[in-house]
């Protein structure tokens, strides 16, 4: 995976057991205990680990359950230092995970949390972000100042701005490119709630997954909408309050 690529996804939640049951039914993930990190559950799609889930650590200072993504960088310490000089706030300082790599969490200038990580192993390629069921298929930054936020990430993660799609009164949808791949977009937060990265995970059937969200105690922020390329997507909130998205075909 090239520098600036998304390599892992993580749910920090108030109820790990409930989250496992909910996402197992909505997305279809299997869960397994991390070999070396106590209390850290990994989730997998067809045998491929995509990310992890753990109890929301109080030392992060984050006020509510949420999804976070890890972006690959060459030097965690240098990246965090440069980001801090550019208005970011360190949330979890650069930390080593034996056998895994070095990571840190920052709040960008709009107070959106994200991880940066230098994996210990450079062999292989992360499959967490992929156009497959159970994998993250889109990374969407919903923030208070998209222009400033995009500039920040372009400067520090090597991303490029792609095309812009007008959404009328909702503003522009700025596509983002990293390593030659269009991986997501940025837009202005026009509804209530904090600015955040919203991660859309692939499902086998958008309507089945949407029903499973509601039946499982979650909430759809809107009905599934058709997106460029012919697929469907919907933003939602899980029962513990973490915002996420689903993406997939309509089979009905």
C-alpha atoms as a PDB file:
ATOM      1  CA  UNK A   1       0.000   0.000   0.000  1.00  0.00           C
ATOM      2  CA  UNK A   2       1.422   3.351  -1.021  1.00  0.00           C
ATOM      3  CA  UNK A   3       2.009   6.197   1.399  1.00  0.00           C
ATOM      4  CA  UNK A   4      -1.192   8.063   2.159  1.00  0.00           C
ATOM      5  CA  UNK A   5      -3.294   4.930   1.701  1.00  0.00           C
ATOM      6  CA  UNK A   6      -5.958   3.684   4.118  1.00  0.00           C
ATOM      7  CA  UNK A   7      -4.670   0.520   5.800  1.00  0.00           C
ATOM      8  CA  UNK A   8      -6.956  -0.248   8.786  1.00  0.00           C
ATOM      9  CA  UNK A   9     -10.297   0.729  10.325  1.00  0.00           C
ATOM     10  CA  UNK A  10     -11.217   0.787  13.991  1.00  0.00           C
ATOM     11  CA  UNK A  11     -14.384   1.149  16.018  1.00  0.00           C
ATOM     12  CA  UNK A  12     -14.071   2.694  19.478  1.00  0.00           C
ATOM     13  CA  UNK A  13     -17.307   1.888  21.251  1.00  0.00           C
ATOM     14  CA  UNK A  14     -19.057   1.788  24.608  1.00  0.00           C
ATOM     15  CA  UNK A  15     -20.195  -1.847  24.193  1.00  0.00           C
ATOM     16  CA  UNK A  16     -17.892  -4.195  22.298  1.00  0.00           C
ATOM     17  CA  UNK A  17     -20.157  -7.250  22.618  1.00  0.00           C
ATOM     18  CA  UNK A  18     -23.209  -5.375  21.317  1.00  0.00           C
ATOM     19  CA  UNK A  19     -21.201  -3.902  18.451  1.00  0.00           C
ATOM     20  CA  UNK A  20     -20.007  -7.354  17.429  1.00  0.00           C
ATOM     21  CA  UNK A  21     -23.573  -8.625  17.237  1.00  0.00           C
ATOM     22  CA  UNK A  22     -24.807  -5.572  15.351  1.00  0.00           C
ATOM     23  CA  UNK A  23     -22.097  -5.438  12.692  1.00  0.00           C
ATOM     24  CA  UNK A  24     -22.049  -9.207  12.320  1.00  0.00           C
ATOM     25  CA  UNK A  25     -25.662  -9.017  11.127  1.00  0.00           C
ATOM     26  CA  UNK A  26     -25.366  -5.778   9.113  1.00  0.00           C
ATOM     27  CA  UNK A  27     -22.033  -6.356   7.361  1.00  0.00           C
ATOM     28  CA  UNK A  28     -21.449 -10.065   7.938  1.00  0.00           C
ATOM     29  CA  UNK A  29     -18.108  -9.781   9.704  1.00  0.00           C
ATOM     30  CA  UNK A  30     -16.479 -12.512  11.750  1.00  0.00           C
ATOM     31  CA  UNK A  31     -14.589 -11.491  14.903  1.00  0.00           C
ATOM     32  CA  UNK A  32     -11.446 -12.831  16.546  1.00  0.00           C
ATOM     33  CA  UNK A  33      -9.276 -11.833  19.468  1.00  0.00           C
ATOM     34  CA  UNK A  34      -6.002 -10.055  18.648  1.00  0.00           C
ATOM     35  CA  UNK A  35      -3.051 -12.301  19.469  1.00  0.00           C
ATOM     36  CA  UNK A  36      -1.012  -9.729  21.398  1.00  0.00           C
ATOM     37  CA  UNK A  37      -3.318  -6.818  22.326  1.00  0.00           C
ATOM     38  CA  UNK A  38      -5.687  -7.691  25.215  1.00  0.00           C
ATOM     39  CA  UNK A  39      -9.279  -6.554  24.716  1.00  0.00           C
ATOM     40  CA  UNK A  40      -8.773  -5.855  21.015  1.00  0.00           C
ATOM     41  CA  UNK A  41     -11.141  -7.689  18.692  1.00  0.00           C
ATOM     42  CA  UNK A  42     -10.420  -7.855  14.969  1.00  0.00           C
ATOM     43  CA  UNK A  43     -13.138  -8.187  12.349  1.00  0.00           C
ATOM     44  CA  UNK A  44     -12.738 -10.068   9.097  1.00  0.00           C
ATOM     45  CA  UNK A  45     -14.510 -10.545   5.764  1.00  0.00           C
ATOM     46  CA  UNK A  46     -14.086 -14.003   4.245  1.00  0.00           C
ATOM     47  CA  UNK A  47     -10.933 -14.573   6.249  1.00  0.00           C
ATOM     48  CA  UNK A  48      -9.325 -11.173   5.531  1.00  0.00           C
ATOM     49  CA  UNK A  49      -8.921  -8.908   8.551  1.00  0.00           C
ATOM     50  CA  UNK A  50     -10.210  -5.388   7.866  1.00  0.00           C
ATOM     51  CA  UNK A  51      -9.929  -3.658  11.224  1.00  0.00           C
ATOM     52  CA  UNK A  52     -10.607  -3.841  14.924  1.00  0.00           C
ATOM     53  CA  UNK A  53     -12.991  -2.889  17.686  1.00  0.00           C
ATOM     54  CA  UNK A  54     -12.235  -1.967  21.282  1.00  0.00           C
ATOM     55  CA  UNK A  55     -13.704  -0.083  24.219  1.00  0.00           C
ATOM     56  CA  UNK A  56     -13.389   3.697  23.843  1.00  0.00           C
ATOM     57  CA  UNK A  57     -10.258   4.580  25.842  1.00  0.00           C
ATOM     58  CA  UNK A  58     -10.899   7.504  28.221  1.00  0.00           C
ATOM     59  CA  UNK A  59      -7.368   8.817  27.725  1.00  0.00           C
ATOM     60  CA  UNK A  60      -8.155   9.806  24.123  1.00  0.00           C
ATOM     61  CA  UNK A  61     -10.563  12.460  25.358  1.00  0.00           C
ATOM     62  CA  UNK A  62     -13.037  11.522  22.623  1.00  0.00           C
ATOM     63  CA  UNK A  63     -16.583  12.118  23.866  1.00  0.00           C
ATOM     64  CA  UNK A  64     -18.514   9.423  22.005  1.00  0.00           C
ATOM     65  CA  UNK A  65     -18.178   6.106  20.148  1.00  0.00           C
ATOM     66  CA  UNK A  66     -16.838   6.556  16.629  1.00  0.00           C
ATOM     67  CA  UNK A  67     -15.114   4.961  13.662  1.00  0.00           C
ATOM     68  CA  UNK A  68     -11.508   5.844  12.854  1.00  0.00           C
ATOM     69  CA  UNK A  69      -9.216   5.058   9.953  1.00  0.00           C
ATOM     70  CA  UNK A  70      -5.460   4.557   9.777  1.00  0.00           C
ATOM     71  CA  UNK A  71      -3.479   6.278   6.998  1.00  0.00           C
ATOM     72  CA  UNK A  72      -0.018   5.010   6.121  1.00  0.00           C
ATOM     73  CA  UNK A  73       2.907   7.411   6.485  1.00  0.00           C
ATOM     74  CA  UNK A  74       6.670   6.932   6.296  1.00  0.00           C
ATOM     75  CA  UNK A  75       7.499   8.643   9.601  1.00  0.00           C
ATOM     76  CA  UNK A  76       4.837   8.982  12.294  1.00  0.00           C
ATOM     77  CA  UNK A  77       6.780  11.408  14.497  1.00  0.00           C
ATOM     78  CA  UNK A  78       7.696  13.760  11.664  1.00  0.00           C
ATOM     79  CA  UNK A  79       4.137  13.692  10.308  1.00  0.00           C
ATOM     80  CA  UNK A  80       2.589  14.476  13.689  1.00  0.00           C
ATOM     81  CA  UNK A  81       5.064  17.301  14.293  1.00  0.00           C
ATOM     82  CA  UNK A  82       4.318  18.860  10.907  1.00  0.00           C
ATOM     83  CA  UNK A  83       0.573  18.467  11.387  1.00  0.00           C
ATOM     84  CA  UNK A  84       0.750  20.053  14.828  1.00  0.00           C
ATOM     85  CA  UNK A  85       2.555  23.067  13.397  1.00  0.00           C
ATOM     86  CA  UNK A  86      -0.270  23.306  10.857  1.00  0.00           C
ATOM     87  CA  UNK A  87      -3.080  23.430  13.429  1.00  0.00           C
ATOM     88  CA  UNK A  88      -3.627  19.787  14.363  1.00  0.00           C
ATOM     89  CA  UNK A  89      -3.888  18.591  17.960  1.00  0.00           C
ATOM     90  CA  UNK A  90      -2.131  15.387  19.119  1.00  0.00           C
ATOM     91  CA  UNK A  91      -4.670  13.030  20.686  1.00  0.00           C
ATOM     92  CA  UNK A  92      -2.628   9.848  21.153  1.00  0.00           C
ATOM     93  CA  UNK A  93       1.143  10.441  20.965  1.00  0.00           C
ATOM     94  CA  UNK A  94       3.382   8.366  18.687  1.00  0.00           C
ATOM     95  CA  UNK A  95       3.311   4.870  20.168  1.00  0.00           C
ATOM     96  CA  UNK A  96       4.871   1.542  19.225  1.00  0.00           C
ATOM     97  CA  UNK A  97       2.817  -1.650  18.974  1.00  0.00           C
ATOM     98  CA  UNK A  98       5.346  -4.510  19.134  1.00  0.00           C
ATOM     99  CA  UNK A  99       5.287  -6.532  15.947  1.00  0.00           C
ATOM    100  CA  UNK A 100       2.768  -4.202  14.302  1.00  0.00           C
ATOM    101  CA  UNK A 101       4.191  -0.696  13.881  1.00  0.00           C
ATOM    102  CA  UNK A 102       4.140   2.858  15.181  1.00  0.00           C
ATOM    103  CA  UNK A 103       0.989   4.968  15.235  1.00  0.00           C
ATOM    104  CA  UNK A 104      -0.534   8.187  16.549  1.00  0.00           C
ATOM    105  CA  UNK A 105      -3.953   9.816  16.606  1.00  0.00           C
ATOM    106  CA  UNK A 106      -4.433  13.482  15.778  1.00  0.00           C
ATOM    107  CA  UNK A 107      -7.345  15.865  15.604  1.00  0.00           C
ATOM    108  CA  UNK A 108      -7.136  17.798  12.361  1.00  0.00           C
ATOM    109  CA  UNK A 109      -7.678  21.605  12.462  1.00  0.00           C
ATOM    110  CA  UNK A 110     -11.459  21.024  12.217  1.00  0.00           C
ATOM    111  CA  UNK A 111     -11.260  18.608  15.197  1.00  0.00           C
ATOM    112  CA  UNK A 112     -11.729  15.439  13.160  1.00  0.00           C
ATOM    113  CA  UNK A 113      -9.787  12.466  14.596  1.00  0.00           C
ATOM    114  CA  UNK A 114      -7.681  10.207  12.383  1.00  0.00           C
ATOM    115  CA  UNK A 115      -4.761   7.816  12.868  1.00  0.00           C
ATOM    116  CA  UNK A 116      -1.419   7.899  11.057  1.00  0.00           C
ATOM    117  CA  UNK A 117       0.688   4.745  11.065  1.00  0.00           C
ATOM    118  CA  UNK A 118       3.992   3.348   9.861  1.00  0.00           C
ATOM    119  CA  UNK A 119       3.505  -0.441   9.735  1.00  0.00           C
ATOM    120  CA  UNK A 120       6.455  -2.518  10.849  1.00  0.00           C
ATOM    121  CA  UNK A 121       6.105  -4.881   7.906  1.00  0.00           C
ATOM    122  CA  UNK A 122       6.189  -3.576   4.360  1.00  0.00           C
ATOM    123  CA  UNK A 123       5.377  -6.958   2.867  1.00  0.00           C
ATOM    124  CA  UNK A 124       2.082  -7.363   1.070  1.00  0.00           C
ATOM    125  CA  UNK A 125      -0.668  -4.821   0.719  1.00  0.00           C
ATOM    126  CA  UNK A 126      -3.501  -3.941   3.056  1.00  0.00           C
ATOM    127  CA  UNK A 127      -6.889  -5.115   1.816  1.00  0.00           C
ATOM    128  CA  UNK A 128      -8.933  -3.119   4.317  1.00  0.00           C
ATOM    129  CA  UNK A 129      -9.881  -0.611   1.612  1.00  0.00           C
ATOM    130  CA  UNK A 130     -11.164  -2.577  -1.369  1.00  0.00           C
ATOM    131  CA  UNK A 131     -14.217  -2.834  -3.625  1.00  0.00           C
ATOM    132  CA  UNK A 132     -15.439  -6.007  -1.900  1.00  0.00           C
ATOM    133  CA  UNK A 133     -18.216  -6.997   0.466  1.00  0.00           C
ATOM    134  CA  UNK A 134     -17.098  -6.431   4.050  1.00  0.00           C
ATOM    135  CA  UNK A 135     -14.279  -4.063   3.125  1.00  0.00           C
ATOM    136  CA  UNK A 136     -14.313  -0.289   3.325  1.00  0.00           C
ATOM    137  CA  UNK A 137     -15.306   1.033  -0.103  1.00  0.00           C
ATOM    138  CA  UNK A 138     -15.355   4.812   0.478  1.00  0.00           C
ATOM    139  CA  UNK A 139     -13.816   7.324   2.909  1.00  0.00           C
ATOM    140  CA  UNK A 140     -15.912  10.469   3.274  1.00  0.00           C
ATOM    141  CA  UNK A 141     -14.813  13.534   5.226  1.00  0.00           C
ATOM    142  CA  UNK A 142     -17.836  15.453   6.512  1.00  0.00           C
ATOM    143  CA  UNK A 143     -16.449  18.606   8.047  1.00  0.00           C
ATOM    144  CA  UNK A 144     -17.020  22.243   8.949  1.00  0.00           C
ATOM    145  CA  UNK A 145     -14.499  23.626   6.412  1.00  0.00           C
ATOM    146  CA  UNK A 146     -13.859  21.231   3.515  1.00  0.00           C
ATOM    147  CA  UNK A 147     -11.530  23.588   1.632  1.00  0.00           C
ATOM    148  CA  UNK A 148      -9.212  24.060   4.612  1.00  0.00           C
ATOM    149  CA  UNK A 149      -9.416  20.379   5.566  1.00  0.00           C
ATOM    150  CA  UNK A 150      -8.540  19.149   2.078  1.00  0.00           C
ATOM    151  CA  UNK A 151      -5.577  21.532   1.960  1.00  0.00           C
ATOM    152  CA  UNK A 152      -4.338  20.160   5.278  1.00  0.00           C
ATOM    153  CA  UNK A 153      -4.466  16.523   4.163  1.00  0.00           C
ATOM    154  CA  UNK A 154      -2.951  17.284   0.762  1.00  0.00           C
ATOM    155  CA  UNK A 155       0.007  18.975   2.454  1.00  0.00           C
ATOM    156  CA  UNK A 156       0.709  16.207   4.943  1.00  0.00           C
ATOM    157  CA  UNK A 157      -0.425  12.935   3.379  1.00  0.00           C
ATOM    158  CA  UNK A 158       0.457  13.464  -0.261  1.00  0.00           C
ATOM    159  CA  UNK A 159      -3.140  13.302  -1.466  1.00  0.00           C
ATOM    160  CA  UNK A 160      -4.420  15.119  -4.536  1.00  0.00           C
ATOM    161  CA  UNK A 161      -7.696  16.839  -5.261  1.00  0.00           C
ATOM    162  CA  UNK A 162      -9.802  15.160  -7.905  1.00  0.00           C
ATOM    163  CA  UNK A 163     -12.940  16.335  -9.645  1.00  0.00           C
ATOM    164  CA  UNK A 164     -15.616  18.385  -7.910  1.00  0.00           C
ATOM    165  CA  UNK A 165     -19.291  17.435  -8.031  1.00  0.00           C
ATOM    166  CA  UNK A 166     -21.822  20.124  -7.202  1.00  0.00           C
ATOM    167  CA  UNK A 167     -24.581  19.076  -4.798  1.00  0.00           C
ATOM    168  CA  UNK A 168     -26.553  22.315  -5.107  1.00  0.00           C
ATOM    169  CA  UNK A 169     -27.459  23.847  -1.751  1.00  0.00           C
ATOM    170  CA  UNK A 170     -25.374  21.167   0.010  1.00  0.00           C
ATOM    171  CA  UNK A 171     -22.197  22.558  -1.547  1.00  0.00           C
ATOM    172  CA  UNK A 172     -19.395  20.811  -3.424  1.00  0.00           C
ATOM    173  CA  UNK A 173     -18.312  17.201  -3.169  1.00  0.00           C
ATOM    174  CA  UNK A 174     -14.534  17.240  -3.525  1.00  0.00           C
ATOM    175  CA  UNK A 175     -13.130  13.893  -4.641  1.00  0.00           C
ATOM    176  CA  UNK A 176      -9.788  12.825  -3.158  1.00  0.00           C
ATOM    177  CA  UNK A 177      -7.002  10.772  -4.751  1.00  0.00           C
ATOM    178  CA  UNK A 178      -4.129   8.931  -3.102  1.00  0.00           C
ATOM    179  CA  UNK A 179      -1.608   6.738  -4.886  1.00  0.00           C
ATOM    180  CA  UNK A 180      -3.560   7.164  -8.114  1.00  0.00           C
ATOM    181  CA  UNK A 181      -6.753   5.807  -6.509  1.00  0.00           C
ATOM    182  CA  UNK A 182      -9.923   7.841  -5.920  1.00  0.00           C
ATOM    183  CA  UNK A 183     -10.632   6.685  -2.375  1.00  0.00           C
ATOM    184  CA  UNK A 184     -13.159   9.204  -1.063  1.00  0.00           C
ATOM    185  CA  UNK A 185     -14.314  12.777  -0.902  1.00  0.00           C
ATOM    186  CA  UNK A 186     -14.836  15.777   1.350  1.00  0.00           C
ATOM    187  CA  UNK A 187     -18.019  17.760   1.896  1.00  0.00           C
ATOM    188  CA  UNK A 188     -19.465  20.305   4.299  1.00  0.00           C
ATOM    189  CA  UNK A 189     -21.377  19.048   7.317  1.00  0.00           C
ATOM    190  CA  UNK A 190     -24.833  20.557   6.848  1.00  0.00           C
ATOM    191  CA  UNK A 191     -26.732  18.526   9.442  1.00  0.00           C
ATOM    192  CA  UNK A 192     -26.249  18.214  13.175  1.00  0.00           C
ATOM    193  CA  UNK A 193     -23.439  16.200  14.642  1.00  0.00           C
ATOM    194  CA  UNK A 194     -19.673  16.599  14.858  1.00  0.00           C
ATOM    195  CA  UNK A 195     -17.323  16.704  11.851  1.00  0.00           C
ATOM    196  CA  UNK A 196     -15.872  13.266  11.142  1.00  0.00           C
ATOM    197  CA  UNK A 197     -14.589  10.746   8.656  1.00  0.00           C
ATOM    198  CA  UNK A 198     -17.475   8.489   7.615  1.00  0.00           C
ATOM    199  CA  UNK A 199     -16.440   5.075   6.338  1.00  0.00           C
ATOM    200  CA  UNK A 200     -18.724   3.137   3.990  1.00  0.00           C
ATOM    201  CA  UNK A 201     -18.453  -0.650   4.246  1.00  0.00           C
ATOM    202  CA  UNK A 202     -19.503  -2.980   1.460  1.00  0.00           C
ATOM    203  CA  UNK A 203     -22.629  -5.091   1.912  1.00  0.00           C
ATOM    204  CA  UNK A 204     -24.172  -7.811  -0.237  1.00  0.00           C
ATOM    205  CA  UNK A 205     -27.595  -6.138  -0.497  1.00  0.00           C
ATOM    206  CA  UNK A 206     -28.190  -2.501   0.437  1.00  0.00           C
ATOM    207  CA  UNK A 207     -31.841  -3.008   1.403  1.00  0.00           C
ATOM    208  CA  UNK A 208     -31.142  -6.076   3.531  1.00  0.00           C
ATOM    209  CA  UNK A 209     -28.350  -4.227   5.349  1.00  0.00           C
ATOM    210  CA  UNK A 210     -30.518  -1.141   5.841  1.00  0.00           C
ATOM    211  CA  UNK A 211     -33.243  -3.267   7.439  1.00  0.00           C
ATOM    212  CA  UNK A 212     -30.654  -4.957   9.641  1.00  0.00           C
ATOM    213  CA  UNK A 213     -29.448  -1.552  10.874  1.00  0.00           C
ATOM    214  CA  UNK A 214     -32.945  -0.540  11.971  1.00  0.00           C
ATOM    215  CA  UNK A 215     -33.836  -3.992  13.330  1.00  0.00           C
ATOM    216  CA  UNK A 216     -30.577  -3.998  15.304  1.00  0.00           C
ATOM    217  CA  UNK A 217     -31.310  -0.711  17.047  1.00  0.00           C
ATOM    218  CA  UNK A 218     -29.375   1.586  14.724  1.00  0.00           C
ATOM    219  CA  UNK A 219     -30.643   4.526  12.694  1.00  0.00           C
ATOM    220  CA  UNK A 220     -30.540   5.368   8.992  1.00  0.00           C
ATOM    221  CA  UNK A 221     -29.654   9.011   8.344  1.00  0.00           C
ATOM    222  CA  UNK A 222     -31.285   8.691   4.939  1.00  0.00           C
ATOM    223  CA  UNK A 223     -32.761   6.000   2.737  1.00  0.00           C
ATOM    224  CA  UNK A 224     -30.290   4.280   0.386  1.00  0.00           C
ATOM    225  CA  UNK A 225     -29.313   6.614  -2.446  1.00  0.00           C
ATOM    226  CA  UNK A 226     -27.935   5.680  -5.846  1.00  0.00           C
ATOM    227  CA  UNK A 227     -24.351   6.857  -6.323  1.00  0.00           C
ATOM    228  CA  UNK A 228     -22.184   7.364  -9.434  1.00  0.00           C
ATOM    229  CA  UNK A 229     -21.238   3.988 -10.833  1.00  0.00           C
ATOM    230  CA  UNK A 230     -24.642   2.431 -10.255  1.00  0.00           C
ATOM    231  CA  UNK A 231     -24.312   1.279  -6.658  1.00  0.00           C
ATOM    232  CA  UNK A 232     -26.271   2.378  -3.608  1.00  0.00           C
ATOM    233  CA  UNK A 233     -25.173   3.876  -0.304  1.00  0.00           C
ATOM    234  CA  UNK A 234     -26.632   5.063   2.992  1.00  0.00           C
ATOM    235  CA  UNK A 235     -25.239   6.841   6.019  1.00  0.00           C
ATOM    236  CA  UNK A 236     -26.272   5.515   9.406  1.00  0.00           C
ATOM    237  CA  UNK A 237     -25.585   5.415  13.144  1.00  0.00           C
ATOM    238  CA  UNK A 238     -25.038   2.245  15.153  1.00  0.00           C
ATOM    239  CA  UNK A 239     -26.825   1.588  18.476  1.00  0.00           C
ATOM    240  CA  UNK A 240     -23.926   3.044  20.482  1.00  0.00           C
ATOM    241  CA  UNK A 241     -23.884   6.263  18.440  1.00  0.00           C
ATOM    242  CA  UNK A 242     -20.997   5.685  16.000  1.00  0.00           C
ATOM    243  CA  UNK A 243     -21.665   7.031  12.512  1.00  0.00           C
ATOM    244  CA  UNK A 244     -20.801   4.850   9.491  1.00  0.00           C
ATOM    245  CA  UNK A 245     -22.046   4.037   6.003  1.00  0.00           C
ATOM    246  CA  UNK A 246     -23.004   1.041   3.918  1.00  0.00           C
ATOM    247  CA  UNK A 247     -22.530   0.585   0.168  1.00  0.00           C
ATOM    248  CA  UNK A 248     -23.670  -2.142  -2.157  1.00  0.00           C
ATOM    249  CA  UNK A 249     -26.079  -3.319  -4.867  1.00  0.00           C
ATOM    250  CA  UNK A 250     -29.878  -3.199  -4.759  1.00  0.00           C
ATOM    251  CA  UNK A 251     -31.142  -6.703  -5.370  1.00  0.00           C
ATOM    252  CA  UNK A 252     -34.850  -6.218  -4.773  1.00  0.00           C
END
